[in-house]
Amino acid sequence: MPTDSDYSADTPLFLRPGQPWREKHEQRRRRARRFLSSKQKHYMVMGLVALDVAGILADIFVALISCDQHEQDEGWVDDVRNPLHTTGLVISCMFLVELLISIWAFGFSYFSSWFHCFDALIIIISFTVDLVTHGIVEEIASLVVILRLWRFVKIVEELSLGASERMEEMQFKVEELQKENEELRRVIV
């Protein structure tokens, strides 16, 4: 490990002996990869997806009810729909941040899975639609809601990842118990 005497004011950061910044960077990437692969992250994503889908469905229902009742211009419609749109934008931002952190943590190998490629496309399209569209354009762009419902598939994927992790843990425990059982049988015989 380099000491303070190894550095001078004239030494550029990228030429420092041992490059401690690189070690810290890699350590942070490893921590990010661990978190992004953790159960906690999968549960957080499932919660956000459920909240986002609930908001989308609530917005659709409010739009349908207000249209059916011929009350599109009533104040309550905007009072209900604006917070739903804001919540959707915040959730889209959170998914965009997750995508950027995933790319940073895993590198571009993150896109080796078609699922991650398609999910990234949905995240970017949803974020763009949430950010750019308003008024009549927003109504036309509401067709993208169908793409956002893709997140239901993401819930299933998150659940399957969690189930496969649990299955691996259980399989490991079964193997350990089988070895222990064999050892105990040898001791008994």
N, C-alpha and C. Protein backbone atom coordinates (compact mmCIF):
# COMPACT_ATOMS: atom_id res chain seq x y z
N MET A 1 0.85 -1.18 0.00
CA MET A 1 0.00 0.00 0.00
C MET A 1 0.88 1.23 0.00
N PRO A 2 0.65 2.18 -0.87
CA PRO A 2 1.47 3.37 -0.93
C PRO A 2 1.27 4.25 0.30
N THR A 3 2.30 4.96 0.63
CA THR A 3 2.22 5.89 1.76
C THR A 3 2.14 7.31 1.22
N ASP A 4 1.92 8.27 2.13
CA ASP A 4 1.83 9.68 1.71
C ASP A 4 3.13 10.16 1.08
N SER A 5 4.25 9.59 1.48
CA SER A 5 5.54 10.03 0.93
C SER A 5 5.69 9.61 -0.54
N ASP A 6 4.88 8.63 -0.99
CA ASP A 6 4.94 8.21 -2.39
C ASP A 6 4.30 9.22 -3.33
N TYR A 7 3.53 10.15 -2.78
CA TYR A 7 2.80 11.12 -3.58
C TYR A 7 3.49 12.48 -3.51
N SER A 8 3.40 13.20 -4.59
CA SER A 8 3.83 14.59 -4.57
C SER A 8 2.71 15.41 -5.20
N ALA A 9 2.76 16.68 -5.02
CA ALA A 9 1.72 17.54 -5.56
C ALA A 9 1.71 17.51 -7.07
N ASP A 10 2.84 17.15 -7.68
CA ASP A 10 2.94 17.13 -9.14
C ASP A 10 2.52 15.80 -9.75
N THR A 11 2.31 14.76 -8.93
CA THR A 11 1.98 13.45 -9.46
C THR A 11 0.50 13.40 -9.82
N PRO A 12 0.19 13.15 -11.09
CA PRO A 12 -1.22 13.04 -11.47
C PRO A 12 -1.86 11.83 -10.81
N LEU A 13 -3.16 11.90 -10.64
CA LEU A 13 -3.89 10.85 -9.97
C LEU A 13 -3.70 9.49 -10.63
N PHE A 14 -3.73 9.44 -11.95
CA PHE A 14 -3.66 8.16 -12.64
C PHE A 14 -2.26 7.55 -12.64
N LEU A 15 -1.23 8.27 -12.16
CA LEU A 15 0.12 7.72 -12.10
C LEU A 15 0.56 7.37 -10.68
N ARG A 16 -0.30 7.53 -9.71
CA ARG A 16 0.08 7.25 -8.33
C ARG A 16 0.38 5.76 -8.16
N PRO A 17 1.38 5.46 -7.36
CA PRO A 17 1.72 4.04 -7.12
C PRO A 17 0.55 3.31 -6.48
N GLY A 18 0.24 2.12 -6.97
CA GLY A 18 -0.80 1.29 -6.40
C GLY A 18 -2.21 1.71 -6.77
N GLN A 19 -2.37 2.91 -7.26
CA GLN A 19 -3.65 3.44 -7.69
C GLN A 19 -4.79 3.09 -6.74
N PRO A 20 -4.77 3.65 -5.52
CA PRO A 20 -5.80 3.32 -4.54
C PRO A 20 -7.21 3.70 -4.99
N TRP A 21 -7.33 4.72 -5.83
CA TRP A 21 -8.65 5.10 -6.32
C TRP A 21 -9.26 3.98 -7.15
N ARG A 22 -8.41 3.24 -7.87
CA ARG A 22 -8.90 2.13 -8.68
C ARG A 22 -9.40 0.99 -7.79
N GLU A 23 -8.67 0.74 -6.71
CA GLU A 23 -9.08 -0.30 -5.76
C GLU A 23 -10.41 0.06 -5.12
N LYS A 24 -10.56 1.33 -4.72
CA LYS A 24 -11.82 1.77 -4.12
C LYS A 24 -12.96 1.69 -5.13
N HIS A 25 -12.66 2.05 -6.37
CA HIS A 25 -13.66 1.98 -7.43
C HIS A 25 -14.14 0.54 -7.62
N GLU A 26 -13.20 -0.38 -7.69
CA GLU A 26 -13.56 -1.80 -7.86
C GLU A 26 -14.32 -2.32 -6.65
N GLN A 27 -13.91 -1.88 -5.47
CA GLN A 27 -14.61 -2.29 -4.26
C GLN A 27 -16.06 -1.81 -4.28
N ARG A 28 -16.27 -0.59 -4.72
CA ARG A 28 -17.64 -0.05 -4.82
C ARG A 28 -18.45 -0.80 -5.87
N ARG A 29 -17.82 -1.14 -6.99
CA ARG A 29 -18.52 -1.90 -8.03
C ARG A 29 -18.92 -3.29 -7.51
N ARG A 30 -18.02 -3.94 -6.76
CA ARG A 30 -18.34 -5.25 -6.18
C ARG A 30 -19.53 -5.14 -5.23
N ARG A 31 -19.51 -4.10 -4.39
CA ARG A 31 -20.62 -3.88 -3.46
C ARG A 31 -21.93 -3.63 -4.21
N ALA A 32 -21.84 -2.85 -5.27
CA ALA A 32 -23.04 -2.57 -6.08
C ALA A 32 -23.56 -3.85 -6.73
N ARG A 33 -22.64 -4.69 -7.25
CA ARG A 33 -23.06 -5.95 -7.86
C ARG A 33 -23.74 -6.85 -6.84
N ARG A 34 -23.17 -6.90 -5.63
CA ARG A 34 -23.79 -7.71 -4.57
C ARG A 34 -25.19 -7.21 -4.25
N PHE A 35 -25.33 -5.89 -4.12
CA PHE A 35 -26.65 -5.33 -3.80
C PHE A 35 -27.63 -5.57 -4.94
N LEU A 36 -27.19 -5.34 -6.18
CA LEU A 36 -28.08 -5.50 -7.33
C LEU A 36 -28.52 -6.95 -7.53
N SER A 37 -27.77 -7.89 -6.96
CA SER A 37 -28.12 -9.30 -7.05
C SER A 37 -28.81 -9.81 -5.80
N SER A 38 -29.03 -8.93 -4.84
CA SER A 38 -29.57 -9.35 -3.54
C SER A 38 -31.08 -9.49 -3.55
N LYS A 39 -31.58 -10.22 -2.56
CA LYS A 39 -33.02 -10.38 -2.39
C LYS A 39 -33.67 -9.04 -2.06
N GLN A 40 -33.00 -8.23 -1.25
CA GLN A 40 -33.56 -6.94 -0.86
C GLN A 40 -33.84 -6.09 -2.10
N LYS A 41 -32.91 -6.07 -3.02
CA LYS A 41 -33.09 -5.28 -4.24
C LYS A 41 -34.25 -5.84 -5.05
N HIS A 42 -34.35 -7.17 -5.14
CA HIS A 42 -35.44 -7.78 -5.90
C HIS A 42 -36.79 -7.43 -5.28
N TYR A 43 -36.86 -7.44 -3.95
CA TYR A 43 -38.11 -7.08 -3.28
C TYR A 43 -38.43 -5.60 -3.47
N MET A 44 -37.42 -4.76 -3.45
CA MET A 44 -37.64 -3.33 -3.70
C MET A 44 -38.19 -3.11 -5.11
N VAL A 45 -37.61 -3.80 -6.08
CA VAL A 45 -38.06 -3.67 -7.47
C VAL A 45 -39.49 -4.16 -7.60
N MET A 46 -39.81 -5.28 -6.96
CA MET A 46 -41.18 -5.79 -7.03
C MET A 46 -42.16 -4.78 -6.43
N GLY A 47 -41.78 -4.17 -5.32
CA GLY A 47 -42.64 -3.16 -4.70
C GLY A 47 -42.84 -1.95 -5.60
N LEU A 48 -41.74 -1.47 -6.21
CA LEU A 48 -41.85 -0.32 -7.12
C LEU A 48 -42.68 -0.66 -8.35
N VAL A 49 -42.49 -1.85 -8.88
CA VAL A 49 -43.25 -2.26 -10.06
C VAL A 49 -44.74 -2.32 -9.71
N ALA A 50 -45.05 -2.91 -8.57
CA ALA A 50 -46.45 -3.00 -8.15
C ALA A 50 -47.05 -1.61 -7.96
N LEU A 51 -46.29 -0.72 -7.34
CA LEU A 51 -46.76 0.66 -7.14
C LEU A 51 -46.96 1.37 -8.47
N ASP A 52 -46.02 1.18 -9.39
CA ASP A 52 -46.11 1.82 -10.71
C ASP A 52 -47.32 1.30 -11.48
N VAL A 53 -47.50 0.00 -11.48
CA VAL A 53 -48.63 -0.59 -12.21
C VAL A 53 -49.94 -0.14 -11.58
N ALA A 54 -50.00 -0.08 -10.25
CA ALA A 54 -51.21 0.40 -9.58
C ALA A 54 -51.51 1.85 -9.98
N GLY A 55 -50.47 2.67 -10.07
CA GLY A 55 -50.64 4.06 -10.50
C GLY A 55 -51.12 4.16 -11.94
N ILE A 56 -50.57 3.33 -12.80
CA ILE A 56 -50.98 3.32 -14.21
C ILE A 56 -52.45 2.92 -14.33
N LEU A 57 -52.81 1.85 -13.62
CA LEU A 57 -54.21 1.39 -13.67
C LEU A 57 -55.15 2.43 -13.08
N ALA A 58 -54.74 3.07 -11.98
CA ALA A 58 -55.58 4.12 -11.37
C ALA A 58 -55.77 5.28 -12.36
N ASP A 59 -54.70 5.65 -13.04
CA ASP A 59 -54.79 6.73 -14.03
C ASP A 59 -55.74 6.36 -15.16
N ILE A 60 -55.66 5.12 -15.62
CA ILE A 60 -56.56 4.66 -16.69
C ILE A 60 -58.01 4.71 -16.21
N PHE A 61 -58.24 4.23 -14.99
CA PHE A 61 -59.61 4.23 -14.46
C PHE A 61 -60.15 5.65 -14.30
N VAL A 62 -59.33 6.56 -13.79
CA VAL A 62 -59.76 7.95 -13.63
C VAL A 62 -60.08 8.55 -15.00
N ALA A 63 -59.22 8.28 -15.98
CA ALA A 63 -59.45 8.81 -17.33
C ALA A 63 -60.74 8.24 -17.92
N LEU A 64 -60.97 6.94 -17.74
CA LEU A 64 -62.18 6.32 -18.26
C LEU A 64 -63.43 6.85 -17.57
N ILE A 65 -63.38 6.97 -16.25
CA ILE A 65 -64.54 7.46 -15.50
C ILE A 65 -64.84 8.90 -15.87
N SER A 66 -63.80 9.74 -15.93
CA SER A 66 -64.03 11.15 -16.26
C SER A 66 -64.55 11.31 -17.69
N CYS A 67 -64.08 10.46 -18.58
CA CYS A 67 -64.56 10.51 -19.97
C CYS A 67 -66.00 10.03 -20.04
N ASP A 68 -66.31 8.95 -19.35
CA ASP A 68 -67.66 8.40 -19.35
C ASP A 68 -68.66 9.36 -18.74
N GLN A 69 -68.25 10.08 -17.70
CA GLN A 69 -69.13 11.02 -17.02
C GLN A 69 -69.08 12.42 -17.66
N HIS A 70 -68.30 12.55 -18.74
CA HIS A 70 -68.12 13.84 -19.42
C HIS A 70 -67.61 14.90 -18.44
N GLU A 71 -66.62 14.52 -17.64
CA GLU A 71 -66.08 15.43 -16.63
C GLU A 71 -64.57 15.62 -16.80
N GLN A 72 -64.07 15.50 -18.03
CA GLN A 72 -62.63 15.63 -18.26
C GLN A 72 -62.09 16.97 -17.80
N ASP A 73 -62.88 18.02 -17.86
CA ASP A 73 -62.43 19.36 -17.51
C ASP A 73 -62.66 19.72 -16.05
N GLU A 74 -63.20 18.80 -15.28
CA GLU A 74 -63.44 19.06 -13.85
C GLU A 74 -62.12 19.13 -13.10
N GLY A 75 -62.09 19.90 -12.05
CA GLY A 75 -60.88 20.08 -11.25
C GLY A 75 -60.40 18.82 -10.57
N TRP A 76 -61.32 17.96 -10.17
CA TRP A 76 -60.91 16.75 -9.45
C TRP A 76 -60.09 15.82 -10.32
N VAL A 77 -60.34 15.85 -11.64
CA VAL A 77 -59.60 14.97 -12.55
C VAL A 77 -58.12 15.30 -12.51
N ASP A 78 -57.78 16.58 -12.66
CA ASP A 78 -56.37 16.99 -12.59
C ASP A 78 -55.79 16.77 -11.20
N ASP A 79 -56.61 16.99 -10.17
CA ASP A 79 -56.14 16.80 -8.79
C ASP A 79 -55.77 15.34 -8.52
N VAL A 80 -56.40 14.43 -9.22
CA VAL A 80 -56.10 13.01 -9.04
C VAL A 80 -55.00 12.56 -10.00
N ARG A 81 -55.08 12.98 -11.24
CA ARG A 81 -54.14 12.48 -12.26
C ARG A 81 -52.74 13.06 -12.13
N ASN A 82 -52.60 14.33 -11.73
CA ASN A 82 -51.26 14.93 -11.63
C ASN A 82 -50.36 14.20 -10.64
N PRO A 83 -50.84 13.88 -9.42
CA PRO A 83 -49.96 13.12 -8.52
C PRO A 83 -49.63 11.72 -9.06
N LEU A 84 -50.57 11.12 -9.79
CA LEU A 84 -50.29 9.82 -10.39
C LEU A 84 -49.19 9.93 -11.44
N HIS A 85 -49.23 11.00 -12.24
CA HIS A 85 -48.19 11.22 -13.26
C HIS A 85 -46.85 11.50 -12.59
N THR A 86 -46.86 12.31 -11.53
CA THR A 86 -45.62 12.63 -10.82
C THR A 86 -45.02 11.37 -10.21
N THR A 87 -45.87 10.55 -9.61
CA THR A 87 -45.39 9.30 -9.02
C THR A 87 -44.80 8.40 -10.10
N GLY A 88 -45.47 8.32 -11.24
CA GLY A 88 -44.94 7.52 -12.36
C GLY A 88 -43.59 8.02 -12.83
N LEU A 89 -43.42 9.34 -12.89
CA LEU A 89 -42.14 9.93 -13.30
C LEU A 89 -41.05 9.62 -12.28
N VAL A 90 -41.37 9.73 -11.01
CA VAL A 90 -40.39 9.42 -9.96
C VAL A 90 -39.97 7.95 -10.04
N ILE A 91 -40.92 7.06 -10.23
CA ILE A 91 -40.59 5.64 -10.34
C ILE A 91 -39.78 5.37 -11.59
N SER A 92 -40.12 6.02 -12.71
CA SER A 92 -39.32 5.87 -13.93
C SER A 92 -37.88 6.34 -13.71
N CYS A 93 -37.73 7.44 -12.96
CA CYS A 93 -36.38 7.93 -12.63
C CYS A 93 -35.61 6.91 -11.79
N MET A 94 -36.32 6.29 -10.86
CA MET A 94 -35.66 5.29 -10.02
C MET A 94 -35.20 4.09 -10.84
N PHE A 95 -36.03 3.66 -11.79
CA PHE A 95 -35.63 2.55 -12.66
C PHE A 95 -34.48 2.96 -13.58
N LEU A 96 -34.47 4.21 -14.02
CA LEU A 96 -33.37 4.70 -14.85
C LEU A 96 -32.07 4.71 -14.05
N VAL A 97 -32.14 5.16 -12.80
CA VAL A 97 -30.95 5.15 -11.94
C VAL A 97 -30.49 3.72 -11.71
N GLU A 98 -31.43 2.80 -11.49
CA GLU A 98 -31.06 1.39 -11.31
C GLU A 98 -30.35 0.86 -12.56
N LEU A 99 -30.87 1.23 -13.73
CA LEU A 99 -30.25 0.80 -14.99
C LEU A 99 -28.83 1.33 -15.12
N LEU A 100 -28.64 2.62 -14.82
CA LEU A 100 -27.30 3.22 -14.92
C LEU A 100 -26.33 2.57 -13.92
N ILE A 101 -26.79 2.31 -12.71
CA ILE A 101 -25.93 1.67 -11.71
C ILE A 101 -25.60 0.25 -12.14
N SER A 102 -26.57 -0.45 -12.73
CA SER A 102 -26.32 -1.81 -13.22
C SER A 102 -25.26 -1.82 -14.32
N ILE A 103 -25.35 -0.85 -15.23
CA ILE A 103 -24.36 -0.77 -16.30
C ILE A 103 -22.98 -0.47 -15.71
N TRP A 104 -22.94 0.43 -14.73
CA TRP A 104 -21.65 0.76 -14.09
C TRP A 104 -21.10 -0.46 -13.35
N ALA A 105 -21.96 -1.17 -12.62
CA ALA A 105 -21.49 -2.27 -11.78
C ALA A 105 -21.10 -3.50 -12.60
N PHE A 106 -21.90 -3.85 -13.60
CA PHE A 106 -21.67 -5.08 -14.36
C PHE A 106 -20.97 -4.83 -15.69
N GLY A 107 -20.87 -3.58 -16.10
CA GLY A 107 -20.29 -3.27 -17.40
C GLY A 107 -21.31 -3.58 -18.49
N PHE A 108 -20.88 -3.53 -19.72
CA PHE A 108 -21.80 -3.76 -20.82
C PHE A 108 -22.17 -5.23 -20.97
N SER A 109 -21.53 -6.10 -20.19
CA SER A 109 -21.95 -7.50 -20.19
C SER A 109 -23.36 -7.64 -19.60
N TYR A 110 -23.82 -6.60 -18.92
CA TYR A 110 -25.19 -6.58 -18.39
C TYR A 110 -26.19 -6.81 -19.51
N PHE A 111 -25.85 -6.36 -20.71
CA PHE A 111 -26.76 -6.48 -21.84
C PHE A 111 -26.63 -7.81 -22.58
N SER A 112 -25.91 -8.77 -22.02
CA SER A 112 -25.80 -10.07 -22.66
C SER A 112 -27.11 -10.85 -22.56
N SER A 113 -27.99 -10.44 -21.67
CA SER A 113 -29.30 -11.08 -21.51
C SER A 113 -30.34 -10.28 -22.30
N TRP A 114 -31.14 -10.97 -23.11
CA TRP A 114 -32.19 -10.29 -23.87
C TRP A 114 -33.17 -9.62 -22.92
N PHE A 115 -33.39 -10.21 -21.76
CA PHE A 115 -34.32 -9.65 -20.79
C PHE A 115 -33.85 -8.27 -20.34
N HIS A 116 -32.55 -8.15 -20.03
CA HIS A 116 -32.00 -6.86 -19.60
C HIS A 116 -32.05 -5.83 -20.73
N CYS A 117 -31.81 -6.27 -21.96
CA CYS A 117 -31.88 -5.35 -23.11
C CYS A 117 -33.31 -4.81 -23.28
N PHE A 118 -34.27 -5.71 -23.25
CA PHE A 118 -35.67 -5.29 -23.43
C PHE A 118 -36.12 -4.43 -22.26
N ASP A 119 -35.73 -4.80 -21.05
CA ASP A 119 -36.10 -4.02 -19.87
C ASP A 119 -35.51 -2.61 -19.95
N ALA A 120 -34.26 -2.52 -20.38
CA ALA A 120 -33.62 -1.20 -20.53
C ALA A 120 -34.36 -0.36 -21.55
N LEU A 121 -34.77 -0.97 -22.65
CA LEU A 121 -35.54 -0.26 -23.67
C LEU A 121 -36.86 0.25 -23.09
N ILE A 122 -37.55 -0.58 -22.34
CA ILE A 122 -38.82 -0.17 -21.71
C ILE A 122 -38.58 0.97 -20.73
N ILE A 123 -37.53 0.87 -19.93
CA ILE A 123 -37.23 1.92 -18.95
C ILE A 123 -36.98 3.25 -19.65
N ILE A 124 -36.18 3.23 -20.71
CA ILE A 124 -35.86 4.46 -21.43
C ILE A 124 -37.09 5.04 -22.11
N ILE A 125 -37.89 4.19 -22.75
CA ILE A 125 -39.11 4.67 -23.42
C ILE A 125 -40.08 5.24 -22.38
N SER A 126 -40.27 4.53 -21.28
CA SER A 126 -41.20 5.00 -20.23
C SER A 126 -40.74 6.32 -19.65
N PHE A 127 -39.45 6.44 -19.39
CA PHE A 127 -38.92 7.68 -18.84
C PHE A 127 -39.14 8.83 -19.82
N THR A 128 -38.86 8.59 -21.10
CA THR A 128 -39.03 9.62 -22.12
C THR A 128 -40.49 10.03 -22.24
N VAL A 129 -41.38 9.06 -22.26
CA VAL A 129 -42.81 9.36 -22.37
C VAL A 129 -43.27 10.14 -21.15
N ASP A 130 -42.85 9.71 -19.95
CA ASP A 130 -43.24 10.43 -18.73
C ASP A 130 -42.73 11.86 -18.72
N LEU A 131 -41.55 12.07 -19.25
CA LEU A 131 -40.91 13.37 -19.19
C LEU A 131 -41.41 14.33 -20.27
N VAL A 132 -41.64 13.83 -21.46
CA VAL A 132 -41.88 14.68 -22.61
C VAL A 132 -43.36 14.91 -22.91
N THR A 133 -44.20 13.96 -22.64
CA THR A 133 -45.57 14.05 -23.12
C THR A 133 -46.49 14.80 -22.17
N HIS A 134 -47.34 15.61 -22.74
CA HIS A 134 -48.37 16.35 -22.00
C HIS A 134 -49.54 16.59 -22.93
N GLY A 135 -50.72 16.72 -22.36
CA GLY A 135 -51.92 17.05 -23.13
C GLY A 135 -52.32 15.95 -24.08
N ILE A 136 -52.64 16.34 -25.33
CA ILE A 136 -53.12 15.38 -26.33
C ILE A 136 -52.04 14.37 -26.66
N VAL A 137 -50.80 14.83 -26.73
CA VAL A 137 -49.70 13.92 -27.00
C VAL A 137 -49.64 12.85 -25.91
N GLU A 138 -49.95 13.25 -24.69
CA GLU A 138 -49.95 12.32 -23.57
C GLU A 138 -51.00 11.23 -23.76
N GLU A 139 -52.15 11.61 -24.26
CA GLU A 139 -53.20 10.63 -24.49
C GLU A 139 -52.78 9.63 -25.57
N ILE A 140 -52.14 10.13 -26.61
CA ILE A 140 -51.66 9.24 -27.67
C ILE A 140 -50.55 8.34 -27.12
N ALA A 141 -49.68 8.93 -26.33
CA ALA A 141 -48.56 8.18 -25.78
C ALA A 141 -48.99 7.19 -24.70
N SER A 142 -50.22 7.29 -24.26
CA SER A 142 -50.68 6.34 -23.24
C SER A 142 -50.68 4.92 -23.76
N LEU A 143 -50.51 4.76 -25.06
CA LEU A 143 -50.35 3.42 -25.62
C LEU A 143 -49.09 2.75 -25.07
N VAL A 144 -48.15 3.58 -24.65
CA VAL A 144 -46.91 3.04 -24.07
C VAL A 144 -47.20 2.36 -22.74
N VAL A 145 -48.38 2.63 -22.19
CA VAL A 145 -48.78 1.97 -20.95
C VAL A 145 -48.68 0.46 -21.12
N ILE A 146 -49.03 0.00 -22.31
CA ILE A 146 -48.94 -1.44 -22.58
C ILE A 146 -47.50 -1.91 -22.39
N LEU A 147 -46.55 -1.11 -22.86
CA LEU A 147 -45.15 -1.48 -22.67
C LEU A 147 -44.76 -1.42 -21.19
N ARG A 148 -45.30 -0.46 -20.48
CA ARG A 148 -44.98 -0.34 -19.06
C ARG A 148 -45.54 -1.51 -18.28
N LEU A 149 -46.60 -2.10 -18.78
CA LEU A 149 -47.13 -3.28 -18.11
C LEU A 149 -46.17 -4.47 -18.26
N TRP A 150 -45.14 -4.28 -19.08
CA TRP A 150 -44.06 -5.25 -19.19
C TRP A 150 -43.47 -5.51 -17.81
N ARG A 151 -43.60 -4.53 -16.95
CA ARG A 151 -43.02 -4.65 -15.62
C ARG A 151 -43.68 -5.79 -14.84
N PHE A 152 -44.88 -6.19 -15.25
CA PHE A 152 -45.45 -7.40 -14.65
C PHE A 152 -44.52 -8.57 -14.92
N VAL A 153 -44.00 -8.62 -16.15
CA VAL A 153 -43.05 -9.68 -16.49
C VAL A 153 -41.81 -9.54 -15.63
N LYS A 154 -41.42 -8.31 -15.34
CA LYS A 154 -40.26 -8.08 -14.48
C LYS A 154 -40.52 -8.64 -13.08
N ILE A 155 -41.74 -8.50 -12.59
CA ILE A 155 -42.07 -9.08 -11.28
C ILE A 155 -41.86 -10.59 -11.33
N VAL A 156 -42.35 -11.22 -12.39
CA VAL A 156 -42.21 -12.66 -12.52
C VAL A 156 -40.73 -13.03 -12.58
N GLU A 157 -39.94 -12.24 -13.31
CA GLU A 157 -38.50 -12.51 -13.41
C GLU A 157 -37.84 -12.35 -12.05
N GLU A 158 -38.22 -11.31 -11.31
CA GLU A 158 -37.65 -11.09 -9.98
C GLU A 158 -38.02 -12.24 -9.05
N LEU A 159 -39.27 -12.70 -9.14
CA LEU A 159 -39.70 -13.83 -8.31
C LEU A 159 -38.94 -15.10 -8.68
N SER A 160 -38.74 -15.31 -9.96
CA SER A 160 -38.01 -16.52 -10.37
C SER A 160 -36.56 -16.45 -9.94
N LEU A 161 -35.96 -15.25 -9.96
CA LEU A 161 -34.59 -15.12 -9.45
C LEU A 161 -34.53 -15.44 -7.97
N GLY A 162 -35.50 -14.91 -7.22
CA GLY A 162 -35.55 -15.20 -5.79
C GLY A 162 -35.74 -16.67 -5.53
N ALA A 163 -36.62 -17.30 -6.31
CA ALA A 163 -36.88 -18.73 -6.13
C ALA A 163 -35.64 -19.55 -6.49
N SER A 164 -34.94 -19.16 -7.54
CA SER A 164 -33.74 -19.92 -7.92
C SER A 164 -32.64 -19.76 -6.87
N GLU A 165 -32.55 -18.56 -6.28
CA GLU A 165 -31.57 -18.37 -5.21
C GLU A 165 -31.90 -19.26 -4.02
N ARG A 166 -33.18 -19.30 -3.65
CA ARG A 166 -33.59 -20.15 -2.53
C ARG A 166 -33.35 -21.61 -2.86
N MET A 167 -33.60 -22.00 -4.11
CA MET A 167 -33.40 -23.38 -4.53
C MET A 167 -31.93 -23.74 -4.43
N GLU A 168 -31.05 -22.83 -4.84
CA GLU A 168 -29.61 -23.09 -4.73
C GLU A 168 -29.20 -23.26 -3.28
N GLU A 169 -29.73 -22.39 -2.41
CA GLU A 169 -29.42 -22.50 -0.99
C GLU A 169 -29.89 -23.84 -0.43
N MET A 170 -31.10 -24.22 -0.80
CA MET A 170 -31.65 -25.49 -0.31
C MET A 170 -30.87 -26.67 -0.85
N GLN A 171 -30.45 -26.59 -2.10
CA GLN A 171 -29.68 -27.68 -2.70
C GLN A 171 -28.34 -27.81 -1.99
N PHE A 172 -27.72 -26.69 -1.67
CA PHE A 172 -26.45 -26.70 -0.94
C PHE A 172 -26.64 -27.35 0.43
N LYS A 173 -27.73 -27.00 1.12
CA LYS A 173 -28.00 -27.57 2.44
C LYS A 173 -28.27 -29.07 2.34
N VAL A 174 -28.98 -29.49 1.30
CA VAL A 174 -29.25 -30.92 1.11
C VAL A 174 -27.95 -31.67 0.90
N GLU A 175 -27.05 -31.11 0.09
CA GLU A 175 -25.76 -31.75 -0.14
C GLU A 175 -24.96 -31.85 1.15
N GLU A 176 -24.97 -30.79 1.95
CA GLU A 176 -24.28 -30.83 3.24
C GLU A 176 -24.87 -31.89 4.15
N LEU A 177 -26.19 -31.96 4.19
CA LEU A 177 -26.85 -32.96 5.04
C LEU A 177 -26.57 -34.38 4.56
N GLN A 178 -26.51 -34.57 3.25
CA GLN A 178 -26.18 -35.89 2.72
C GLN A 178 -24.76 -36.29 3.11
N LYS A 179 -23.82 -35.36 3.03
CA LYS A 179 -22.44 -35.66 3.44
C LYS A 179 -22.39 -35.99 4.93
N GLU A 180 -23.10 -35.19 5.73
CA GLU A 180 -23.14 -35.43 7.17
C GLU A 180 -23.78 -36.78 7.47
N ASN A 181 -24.82 -37.13 6.73
CA ASN A 181 -25.49 -38.41 6.90
C ASN A 181 -24.54 -39.57 6.59
N GLU A 182 -23.78 -39.44 5.49
CA GLU A 182 -22.82 -40.47 5.13
C GLU A 182 -21.74 -40.64 6.20
N GLU A 183 -21.25 -39.51 6.72
CA GLU A 183 -20.25 -39.57 7.78
C GLU A 183 -20.79 -40.25 9.03
N LEU A 184 -22.01 -39.93 9.39
CA LEU A 184 -22.64 -40.54 10.57
C LEU A 184 -22.86 -42.04 10.36
N ARG A 185 -23.20 -42.44 9.14
CA ARG A 185 -23.37 -43.88 8.85
C ARG A 185 -22.04 -44.60 8.98
N ARG A 186 -20.95 -43.97 8.54
CA ARG A 186 -19.64 -44.60 8.67
C ARG A 186 -19.25 -44.75 10.14
N VAL A 187 -19.60 -43.76 10.94
CA VAL A 187 -19.29 -43.82 12.37
C VAL A 187 -20.08 -44.91 13.04
N ILE A 188 -21.33 -45.09 12.68
CA ILE A 188 -22.20 -46.09 13.28
C ILE A 188 -21.75 -47.49 12.90
N VAL A 189 -21.33 -47.70 11.66
CA VAL A 189 -20.94 -49.04 11.15
C VAL A 189 -19.59 -49.40 11.62
